[in-house]
Amino acid sequence: MQCLSYVKKLTGLVYCHNMKQMLRFFIGTIIIYFLFIDTQPANSGAYLQSSHGDSTYGVKRNASGFPSGYPKGLCAHCHEQHANIDGSEPAPSDGGPSLFELFSDNHIAQTENFCYQCHKESGSYQSGGMVNRSYSYRAGGWTADSVNDILESFNYGSPDSSHYLDDIVTFISGKWGYTANSNPCTACHNPHSAQGDPPNMPNGPKNTSTTRGWPVSRPSLHSKDNNTWGLWGDVSGERMSIFTYQAPYRFNSSTNYEPDGSTTVYDGSNLTDFVSFCTDCHNDSNTIYSTPLFRDSNKFNWNTEQHGGGVASYGCSDILPPYQEAQCGSYVLSCTDCHEPHGSPNIFLIRKEVNGDEVTVDAGNAPGPDERENTEWIFLCSRCHDGLSIPDGRHTHPFFVPPQVSGCSSLQCHEAGDYYRVCTECHNHGNQDIDGTPFGEPLL
């Protein structure tokens, strides 16, 4: 008589409906107990605390032929240890053995990635569907965002922008224990510990119906041991409050602050230290090639940039709330104050909502009302700096003749009789000169 068995989720006991096999099982259990009586129970680590492993809202594959009785959070929703489970649900990667025992290919292209099997709006295998909003929506409260899944976020068309996954694979391969077979999403997320970060919720240590979680893990701390490669931002020493930080306003508000709508917390104690996180890759040492831009991204040192740890030596008389002139030279911005982590309908991953209002930088050099090149970057810069004219992108530069630049005059820095320049001709990450003349310090 064939043994009919099942694995009880919590205890791991196997029940066999056959007396002889039950006796063998009983004797074997006693032997195992005495052999391992001094050992500790197996530890599931961070997985049960993650969004994927939670028994209430965790991963649950919904596919034809896949057992519907499998509980949420079960490993088999992503991993198939031997072969595909009979039915029409996806077979393992390449139809055979897989490096990660996944039911689908790990990564193929920008539009084909294992994580997209669930993290997409249409055709998701996640039971009940999957919604993942932009940072502008989640932290900024900009609810006009129509993009609501990861696949869409990574597939904005030109001239818009997304992190390019193939370039990420190329960059991380051989670094920090990653290989050419690593999923690019794991450069920023540990799938076995990542927590959710739903919009408009108060801050908290874990993603439930009422609290936010911590979704990222630093790539430089990557380890194949999931208990070692922990979350980044889930403890106080890993948050923006380690700097002099001022949270920007949320959309259409002058009282509620990012990232969770608080009216009292704005020092970054509720925000992941994205400076340390992002500069693992984006710094003055690493060369990162951008396939869509056909160039290397700018190298820069956030510790010396004026929006970073460097001193804004020209003052902040034009600064807008909630930033204060008295704190000028001390503020350190978070990368996410201006940039989306996945993708954006703006170029260079610029957010659609910054410090309380919408931002449009579709091309950066679109024609202005008088047919001259307009600088859409003004839409971004004017969210924190006053005196910038949004309608046509022209403004009188508040520090027109920088004293560090010997001999700089209006004719040298600007066209004769014209105070108009595209912001990014001078103000971009890593730049320290004006038209080839050293300025003396970073200009962003």
Protein backbone atom coordinates (compact mmCIF):
# COMPACT_ATOMS: atom_id res chain seq x y z
CA MET A 1 0.00 0.00 0.00
CA GLN A 2 1.51 3.35 -1.09
CA CYS A 3 2.29 5.77 1.70
CA LEU A 4 0.04 8.83 1.44
CA SER A 5 1.91 11.64 3.08
CA TYR A 6 1.90 15.34 3.58
CA VAL A 7 4.17 17.74 5.35
CA LYS A 8 2.62 19.53 8.24
CA LYS A 9 3.71 23.16 7.80
CA LEU A 10 4.89 23.93 11.33
CA THR A 11 6.26 20.65 12.72
CA GLY A 12 7.50 18.93 9.58
CA LEU A 13 6.04 15.58 10.75
CA VAL A 14 5.21 13.10 8.00
CA TYR A 15 2.14 10.92 8.44
CA CYS A 16 1.88 7.63 6.57
CA HIS A 17 -1.41 5.76 6.27
CA ASN A 18 0.16 2.32 6.49
CA MET A 19 0.77 0.53 9.79
CA LYS A 20 4.16 -0.94 8.87
CA GLN A 21 5.43 2.34 7.58
CA MET A 22 4.01 4.15 10.60
CA LEU A 23 6.03 1.85 12.87
CA ARG A 24 9.19 2.46 10.87
CA PHE A 25 8.53 6.17 10.97
CA PHE A 26 8.02 6.10 14.75
CA ILE A 27 11.28 4.21 15.40
CA GLY A 28 13.16 6.50 12.99
CA THR A 29 11.79 9.57 14.73
CA ILE A 30 13.02 8.34 18.12
CA ILE A 31 16.51 7.64 16.72
CA ILE A 32 16.67 11.07 15.09
CA TYR A 33 15.49 12.71 18.30
CA PHE A 34 18.29 11.18 20.37
CA LEU A 35 20.91 11.86 17.71
CA PHE A 36 20.05 15.55 17.63
CA ILE A 37 18.69 16.11 21.13
CA ASP A 38 21.25 18.85 21.81
CA THR A 39 20.67 20.76 18.59
CA GLN A 40 18.53 23.84 18.06
CA PRO A 41 15.49 23.89 15.74
CA ALA A 42 16.12 24.99 12.15
CA ASN A 43 15.91 28.76 11.86
CA SER A 44 13.97 30.20 8.94
CA GLY A 45 15.87 33.47 9.33
CA ALA A 46 14.41 36.68 7.95
CA TYR A 47 12.21 35.03 5.35
CA LEU A 48 9.10 34.71 7.52
CA GLN A 49 9.41 38.43 8.29
CA SER A 50 9.63 39.36 4.62
CA SER A 51 6.84 40.30 2.22
CA HIS A 52 7.38 37.06 0.30
CA GLY A 53 7.38 34.80 3.34
CA ASP A 54 4.57 36.28 5.40
CA SER A 55 1.75 33.80 5.94
CA THR A 56 -0.93 36.51 5.62
CA TYR A 57 0.06 38.57 2.60
CA GLY A 58 3.07 36.65 1.23
CA VAL A 59 3.75 35.15 -2.18
CA LYS A 60 1.15 32.75 -3.52
CA ARG A 61 1.38 31.54 -7.10
CA ASN A 62 -1.89 31.20 -8.96
CA ALA A 63 -1.42 29.06 -12.07
CA SER A 64 -3.32 26.32 -13.82
CA GLY A 65 -2.16 22.99 -12.46
CA PHE A 66 -0.39 24.50 -9.46
CA PRO A 67 -1.72 23.16 -6.12
CA SER A 68 -4.17 25.75 -4.79
CA GLY A 69 -3.76 24.40 -1.26
CA TYR A 70 -0.19 25.56 -0.92
CA PRO A 71 -0.21 28.23 1.82
CA LYS A 72 1.00 31.79 1.27
CA GLY A 73 4.71 32.28 1.74
CA LEU A 74 5.65 28.70 0.85
CA CYS A 75 9.02 28.36 -0.90
CA ALA A 76 7.46 26.29 -3.70
CA HIS A 77 5.66 29.35 -5.03
CA CYS A 78 9.05 30.42 -6.47
CA HIS A 79 11.28 27.34 -6.26
CA GLU A 80 10.63 23.86 -7.67
CA GLN A 81 13.22 21.52 -6.25
CA HIS A 82 13.00 18.60 -8.68
CA ALA A 83 10.88 19.43 -11.72
CA ASN A 84 7.73 21.27 -12.62
CA ILE A 85 4.58 20.32 -10.79
CA ASP A 86 2.26 18.53 -13.19
CA GLY A 87 0.00 20.93 -15.01
CA SER A 88 0.24 23.88 -17.33
CA GLU A 89 2.04 26.19 -14.91
CA PRO A 90 5.59 27.17 -15.93
CA ALA A 91 8.29 24.52 -16.02
CA PRO A 92 11.68 25.22 -14.38
CA SER A 93 14.07 27.54 -16.15
CA ASP A 94 15.11 26.20 -19.58
CA GLY A 95 12.86 23.20 -19.02
CA GLY A 96 15.42 21.50 -16.80
CA PRO A 97 17.74 21.99 -13.84
CA SER A 98 18.06 25.60 -12.72
CA LEU A 99 20.81 27.30 -10.77
CA PHE A 100 18.21 28.75 -8.44
CA GLU A 101 15.46 26.12 -8.93
CA LEU A 102 13.10 28.81 -10.20
CA PHE A 103 9.96 28.00 -12.14
CA SER A 104 10.88 30.48 -14.87
CA ASP A 105 14.01 32.08 -16.37
CA ASN A 106 15.93 34.22 -13.92
CA HIS A 107 16.70 37.11 -16.27
CA ILE A 108 16.54 37.47 -20.04
CA ALA A 109 15.99 41.13 -20.85
CA GLN A 110 14.48 44.41 -19.64
CA THR A 111 11.01 43.03 -20.32
CA GLU A 112 11.68 39.41 -19.27
CA ASN A 113 12.70 38.76 -15.71
CA PHE A 114 11.66 36.17 -13.14
CA CYS A 115 10.41 38.85 -10.76
CA TYR A 116 8.00 40.09 -13.45
CA GLN A 117 6.15 36.77 -13.29
CA CYS A 118 4.34 38.24 -10.29
CA HIS A 119 5.30 41.92 -10.21
CA LYS A 120 3.12 43.00 -13.10
CA GLU A 121 -0.46 44.06 -13.52
CA SER A 122 -1.56 41.82 -16.37
CA GLY A 123 -0.87 38.08 -16.28
CA SER A 124 0.62 38.06 -12.80
CA TYR A 125 0.97 34.67 -11.11
CA GLN A 126 0.48 36.34 -7.75
CA SER A 127 -2.91 35.41 -6.39
CA GLY A 128 -5.03 38.54 -6.15
CA GLY A 129 -2.78 40.60 -8.41
CA MET A 130 0.25 42.75 -7.66
CA VAL A 131 0.51 46.53 -7.18
CA ASN A 132 3.84 48.33 -6.73
CA ARG A 133 3.74 52.12 -6.88
CA SER A 134 6.44 54.67 -7.70
CA TYR A 135 8.37 56.47 -4.98
CA SER A 136 6.60 59.70 -5.92
CA TYR A 137 3.32 57.95 -5.14
CA ARG A 138 4.42 56.07 -2.02
CA ALA A 139 6.55 58.71 -0.33
CA GLY A 140 5.40 61.87 -2.10
CA GLY A 141 1.67 61.19 -2.09
CA TRP A 142 1.41 61.93 -5.84
CA THR A 143 -1.64 59.79 -6.64
CA ALA A 144 -1.90 60.91 -10.28
CA ASP A 145 0.72 58.26 -11.12
CA SER A 146 -0.81 55.68 -13.48
CA VAL A 147 2.10 53.23 -13.25
CA ASN A 148 1.36 50.60 -10.66
CA ASP A 149 3.70 47.66 -11.22
CA ILE A 150 7.42 46.92 -11.45
CA LEU A 151 7.36 45.77 -15.07
CA GLU A 152 5.95 49.13 -16.15
CA SER A 153 8.45 51.03 -13.98
CA PHE A 154 11.38 49.38 -15.73
CA ASN A 155 10.01 49.88 -19.21
CA TYR A 156 9.47 53.57 -19.81
CA GLY A 157 10.12 54.45 -23.43
CA SER A 158 12.52 57.12 -24.68
CA PRO A 159 13.07 59.91 -23.74
CA ASP A 160 11.97 58.66 -20.34
CA SER A 161 14.20 56.57 -18.10
CA SER A 162 14.64 53.35 -16.16
CA HIS A 163 17.49 51.54 -14.53
CA TYR A 164 18.71 49.23 -17.30
CA LEU A 165 18.81 45.66 -15.98
CA ASP A 166 21.42 44.25 -18.38
CA ASP A 167 23.81 47.03 -17.37
CA ILE A 168 23.21 46.19 -13.71
CA VAL A 169 24.08 42.53 -14.35
CA THR A 170 27.27 43.59 -16.13
CA PHE A 171 28.22 45.94 -13.31
CA ILE A 172 27.61 43.62 -10.32
CA SER A 173 29.08 40.49 -11.93
CA GLY A 174 32.26 39.65 -10.04
CA LYS A 175 31.52 42.16 -7.27
CA TRP A 176 30.36 41.40 -3.73
CA GLY A 177 29.68 37.72 -4.52
CA TYR A 178 27.40 38.36 -7.51
CA THR A 179 27.89 36.47 -10.77
CA ALA A 180 26.75 36.85 -14.37
CA ASN A 181 23.83 34.56 -13.42
CA SER A 182 22.57 36.85 -10.65
CA ASN A 183 19.18 38.46 -11.05
CA PRO A 184 19.70 42.25 -11.42
CA CYS A 185 16.85 42.92 -9.00
CA THR A 186 18.96 41.31 -6.26
CA ALA A 187 21.49 44.12 -6.63
CA CYS A 188 19.15 46.20 -4.46
CA HIS A 189 16.75 43.69 -2.93
CA ASN A 190 17.22 40.48 -0.97
CA PRO A 191 14.08 38.55 -2.01
CA HIS A 192 14.20 36.50 1.18
CA SER A 193 14.11 39.49 3.52
CA ALA A 194 12.68 42.45 1.56
CA GLN A 195 9.62 44.01 3.17
CA GLY A 196 6.87 45.98 1.50
CA ASP A 197 6.48 49.75 1.52
CA PRO A 198 2.85 50.59 0.76
CA PRO A 199 1.80 54.22 0.25
CA ASN A 200 0.22 56.57 2.75
CA MET A 201 0.93 54.45 5.79
CA PRO A 202 2.55 55.45 9.10
CA ASN A 203 6.09 54.30 9.67
CA GLY A 204 6.75 50.92 11.22
CA PRO A 205 9.17 47.99 11.33
CA LYS A 206 7.15 45.68 9.11
CA ASN A 207 4.71 45.87 6.23
CA THR A 208 1.22 45.06 7.50
CA SER A 209 -2.08 46.80 6.86
CA THR A 210 -0.96 49.70 9.05
CA THR A 211 2.84 49.89 8.89
CA ARG A 212 5.60 50.40 6.34
CA GLY A 213 8.54 48.11 5.86
CA TRP A 214 12.13 48.26 4.64
CA PRO A 215 12.57 46.93 1.09
CA VAL A 216 16.29 47.27 0.25
CA SER A 217 19.58 45.57 1.12
CA ARG A 218 22.94 47.15 0.32
CA PRO A 219 24.74 45.51 -2.60
CA SER A 220 28.16 45.93 -0.98
CA LEU A 221 26.95 43.84 1.98
CA HIS A 222 25.64 41.07 -0.29
CA SER A 223 26.06 37.54 1.01
CA LYS A 224 24.67 34.18 -0.03
CA ASP A 225 23.78 33.72 3.64
CA ASN A 226 20.38 35.38 3.91
CA ASN A 227 20.74 35.75 7.65
CA THR A 228 23.90 37.81 7.04
CA TRP A 229 22.66 39.91 4.11
CA GLY A 230 20.11 41.90 6.05
CA LEU A 231 17.85 44.83 5.30
CA TRP A 232 19.23 48.34 5.03
CA GLY A 233 17.36 51.06 6.90
CA ASP A 234 15.60 48.86 9.44
CA VAL A 235 17.75 50.17 12.32
CA SER A 236 18.36 53.77 13.38
CA GLY A 237 22.00 53.91 12.29
CA GLU A 238 20.95 53.22 8.69
CA ARG A 239 18.63 56.18 8.20
CA MET A 240 18.96 59.69 6.83
CA SER A 241 18.92 61.13 10.35
CA ILE A 242 22.64 60.32 10.61
CA PHE A 243 23.04 63.43 8.40
CA THR A 244 21.56 66.91 8.75
CA TYR A 245 18.46 66.06 6.76
CA GLN A 246 15.24 67.90 6.05
CA ALA A 247 12.37 65.87 4.60
CA PRO A 248 10.56 67.59 1.70
CA TYR A 249 6.83 68.24 1.67
CA ARG A 250 4.39 65.75 0.23
CA PHE A 251 2.23 66.63 -2.77
CA ASN A 252 0.03 69.71 -2.31
CA SER A 253 1.00 70.04 1.33
CA SER A 254 2.95 72.40 3.52
CA THR A 255 2.47 70.40 6.70
CA ASN A 256 2.98 66.73 5.77
CA TYR A 257 6.45 65.38 5.14
CA GLU A 258 7.89 62.48 3.20
CA PRO A 259 8.06 59.54 3.34
CA ASP A 260 4.96 58.73 5.37
CA GLY A 261 2.90 61.92 5.68
CA SER A 262 4.03 62.73 9.20
CA THR A 263 3.47 66.28 10.43
CA THR A 264 6.11 66.04 13.16
CA VAL A 265 8.90 63.75 11.91
CA TYR A 266 11.07 65.35 9.22
CA ASP A 267 14.66 64.65 10.27
CA GLY A 268 15.06 61.45 8.26
CA SER A 269 14.65 59.11 11.23
CA ASN A 270 11.90 57.36 9.26
CA LEU A 271 13.80 57.23 5.94
CA THR A 272 16.43 54.75 4.76
CA ASP A 273 19.93 56.15 4.33
CA PHE A 274 19.75 56.12 0.54
CA VAL A 275 22.99 58.09 0.29
CA SER A 276 25.08 55.18 1.56
CA PHE A 277 22.88 52.75 -0.32
CA CYS A 278 23.06 54.38 -3.75
CA THR A 279 26.71 55.36 -3.54
CA ASP A 280 27.72 51.73 -3.24
CA CYS A 281 27.50 51.90 -7.03
CA HIS A 282 27.18 55.59 -7.98
CA ASN A 283 30.39 57.21 -6.76
CA ASP A 284 33.69 58.63 -7.97
CA SER A 285 35.33 55.22 -8.40
CA ASN A 286 32.91 53.05 -10.33
CA THR A 287 32.44 53.36 -14.07
CA ILE A 288 28.81 52.58 -14.91
CA TYR A 289 27.90 52.36 -18.56
CA SER A 290 24.38 53.31 -19.59
CA THR A 291 23.24 51.48 -22.70
CA PRO A 292 20.20 53.74 -23.33
CA LEU A 293 22.37 56.88 -22.96
CA PHE A 294 25.32 55.43 -24.90
CA ARG A 295 27.74 56.81 -22.33
CA ASP A 296 29.18 56.30 -18.88
CA SER A 297 27.19 57.88 -16.08
CA ASN A 298 28.86 60.76 -14.27
CA LYS A 299 31.28 59.96 -11.49
CA PHE A 300 30.85 62.05 -8.36
CA ASN A 301 31.58 62.15 -4.66
CA TRP A 302 28.40 62.78 -2.70
CA ASN A 303 30.51 63.78 0.30
CA THR A 304 31.70 66.89 -1.57
CA GLU A 305 28.64 67.74 -3.71
CA GLN A 306 26.74 70.85 -2.58
CA HIS A 307 23.50 68.88 -2.33
CA GLY A 308 25.43 66.23 -0.43
CA GLY A 309 28.06 66.54 2.26
CA GLY A 310 29.77 69.54 0.69
CA VAL A 311 29.24 73.10 1.87
CA ALA A 312 26.91 75.30 -0.20
CA SER A 313 29.27 78.25 0.09
CA TYR A 314 27.13 80.76 -1.81
CA GLY A 315 24.36 80.86 0.73
CA CYS A 316 20.72 79.92 0.49
CA SER A 317 18.90 83.21 0.17
CA ASP A 318 16.75 81.70 -2.58
CA ILE A 319 15.85 78.51 -0.70
CA LEU A 320 12.20 77.50 -0.35
CA PRO A 321 10.39 75.84 2.58
CA PRO A 322 10.66 73.51 4.33
CA TYR A 323 14.41 74.16 3.91
CA GLN A 324 15.80 76.93 6.08
CA GLU A 325 18.51 79.44 5.25
CA ALA A 326 19.98 79.02 8.73
CA GLN A 327 20.81 75.41 7.88
CA CYS A 328 22.48 76.30 4.59
CA GLY A 329 25.70 74.40 4.10
CA SER A 330 24.62 71.60 6.41
CA TYR A 331 21.85 69.84 4.54
CA VAL A 332 22.45 66.47 2.93
CA LEU A 333 19.74 65.41 0.49
CA SER A 334 18.62 61.84 -0.01
CA CYS A 335 19.00 60.52 -3.57
CA THR A 336 15.28 59.73 -3.51
CA ASP A 337 14.42 63.40 -2.90
CA CYS A 338 14.97 63.88 -6.65
CA HIS A 339 15.22 60.42 -8.22
CA GLU A 340 12.97 57.40 -8.71
CA PRO A 341 14.70 54.07 -7.94
CA HIS A 342 13.09 52.02 -10.74
CA GLY A 343 11.99 54.29 -13.56
CA SER A 344 10.30 57.58 -14.37
CA PRO A 345 8.42 59.34 -17.19
CA ASN A 346 11.11 62.02 -16.72
CA ILE A 347 14.67 61.73 -17.97
CA PHE A 348 17.51 60.69 -15.65
CA LEU A 349 15.07 59.00 -13.25
CA ILE A 350 13.82 62.40 -12.05
CA ARG A 351 10.71 62.06 -9.92
CA LYS A 352 7.31 63.30 -11.09
CA GLU A 353 6.69 64.92 -7.70
CA VAL A 354 9.31 66.83 -5.74
CA ASN A 355 8.79 68.89 -2.58
CA GLY A 356 5.05 69.22 -2.89
CA ASP A 357 4.47 69.74 -6.62
CA GLU A 358 4.68 68.02 -10.00
CA VAL A 359 7.86 68.00 -12.08
CA THR A 360 8.14 67.51 -15.84
CA VAL A 361 11.53 67.00 -17.45
CA ASP A 362 10.61 65.04 -20.56
CA ALA A 363 13.48 66.17 -22.76
CA GLY A 364 15.40 68.81 -20.84
CA ASN A 365 15.86 71.02 -23.92
CA ALA A 366 12.36 71.48 -25.33
CA PRO A 367 11.59 74.74 -27.22
CA GLY A 368 10.39 77.61 -25.08
CA PRO A 369 7.61 80.10 -25.94
CA ASP A 370 10.01 82.21 -28.05
CA GLU A 371 11.41 79.12 -29.85
CA ARG A 372 14.68 79.24 -27.97
CA GLU A 373 15.77 76.12 -26.14
CA ASN A 374 13.87 75.91 -22.91
CA THR A 375 15.27 74.25 -19.83
CA GLU A 376 12.72 71.94 -18.34
CA TRP A 377 15.20 71.38 -15.53
CA ILE A 378 13.77 74.58 -14.07
CA PHE A 379 10.69 72.53 -13.17
CA LEU A 380 12.93 70.48 -10.88
CA CYS A 381 15.25 73.19 -9.56
CA SER A 382 12.39 75.58 -8.78
CA ARG A 383 10.90 73.10 -6.34
CA CYS A 384 13.55 74.15 -3.81
CA HIS A 385 15.10 77.33 -5.26
CA ASP A 386 13.15 80.58 -5.64
CA GLY A 387 13.58 83.11 -8.45
CA LEU A 388 13.58 80.63 -11.31
CA SER A 389 11.12 81.40 -14.11
CA ILE A 390 9.20 78.27 -15.08
CA PRO A 391 7.28 79.60 -18.15
CA ASP A 392 10.35 80.04 -20.37
CA GLY A 393 13.21 78.73 -18.29
CA ARG A 394 15.09 82.02 -18.08
CA HIS A 395 16.37 83.56 -14.91
CA THR A 396 18.96 85.98 -13.63
CA HIS A 397 21.47 83.75 -11.91
CA PRO A 398 21.59 84.71 -8.21
CA PHE A 399 25.38 84.36 -8.15
CA PHE A 400 26.12 85.62 -11.61
CA VAL A 401 29.86 86.26 -11.17
CA PRO A 402 31.26 83.47 -8.97
CA PRO A 403 34.34 84.86 -7.19
CA GLN A 404 36.21 81.55 -7.46
CA VAL A 405 36.27 81.85 -11.25
CA SER A 406 38.98 84.40 -12.02
CA GLY A 407 37.89 86.84 -14.70
CA CYS A 408 34.43 85.35 -15.19
CA SER A 409 32.05 87.95 -16.58
CA SER A 410 28.61 88.02 -18.11
CA LEU A 411 30.09 87.63 -21.58
CA GLN A 412 32.17 84.65 -20.52
CA CYS A 413 29.50 82.78 -18.60
CA HIS A 414 26.50 83.77 -20.69
CA GLU A 415 25.77 85.07 -24.14
CA ALA A 416 26.01 88.85 -24.48
CA GLY A 417 22.93 90.52 -23.03
CA ASP A 418 21.29 87.18 -22.28
CA TYR A 419 21.09 85.60 -18.85
CA TYR A 420 19.71 82.28 -20.11
CA ARG A 421 21.53 78.98 -19.72
CA VAL A 422 20.34 75.38 -19.49
CA CYS A 423 20.81 74.41 -15.83
CA THR A 424 22.60 71.15 -16.56
CA GLU A 425 25.31 72.85 -18.63
CA CYS A 426 26.87 73.67 -15.27
CA HIS A 427 24.82 71.90 -12.60
CA ASN A 428 25.28 68.16 -12.92
CA HIS A 429 26.76 65.47 -10.74
CA GLY A 430 30.54 65.58 -10.67
CA ASN A 431 30.94 68.89 -12.53
CA GLN A 432 33.28 71.52 -11.09
CA ASP A 433 33.81 73.92 -13.98
CA ILE A 434 32.01 76.52 -16.08
CA ASP A 435 32.79 76.18 -19.77
CA GLY A 436 36.08 74.52 -18.88
CA THR A 437 37.07 77.07 -16.23
CA PRO A 438 37.49 75.50 -12.77
CA PHE A 439 34.85 76.74 -10.37
CA GLY A 440 36.63 75.56 -7.25
CA GLU A 441 33.95 73.23 -5.93
CA PRO A 442 31.16 70.97 -7.22
CA LEU A 443 28.25 72.79 -8.85
CA LEU A 444 25.47 70.47 -7.74
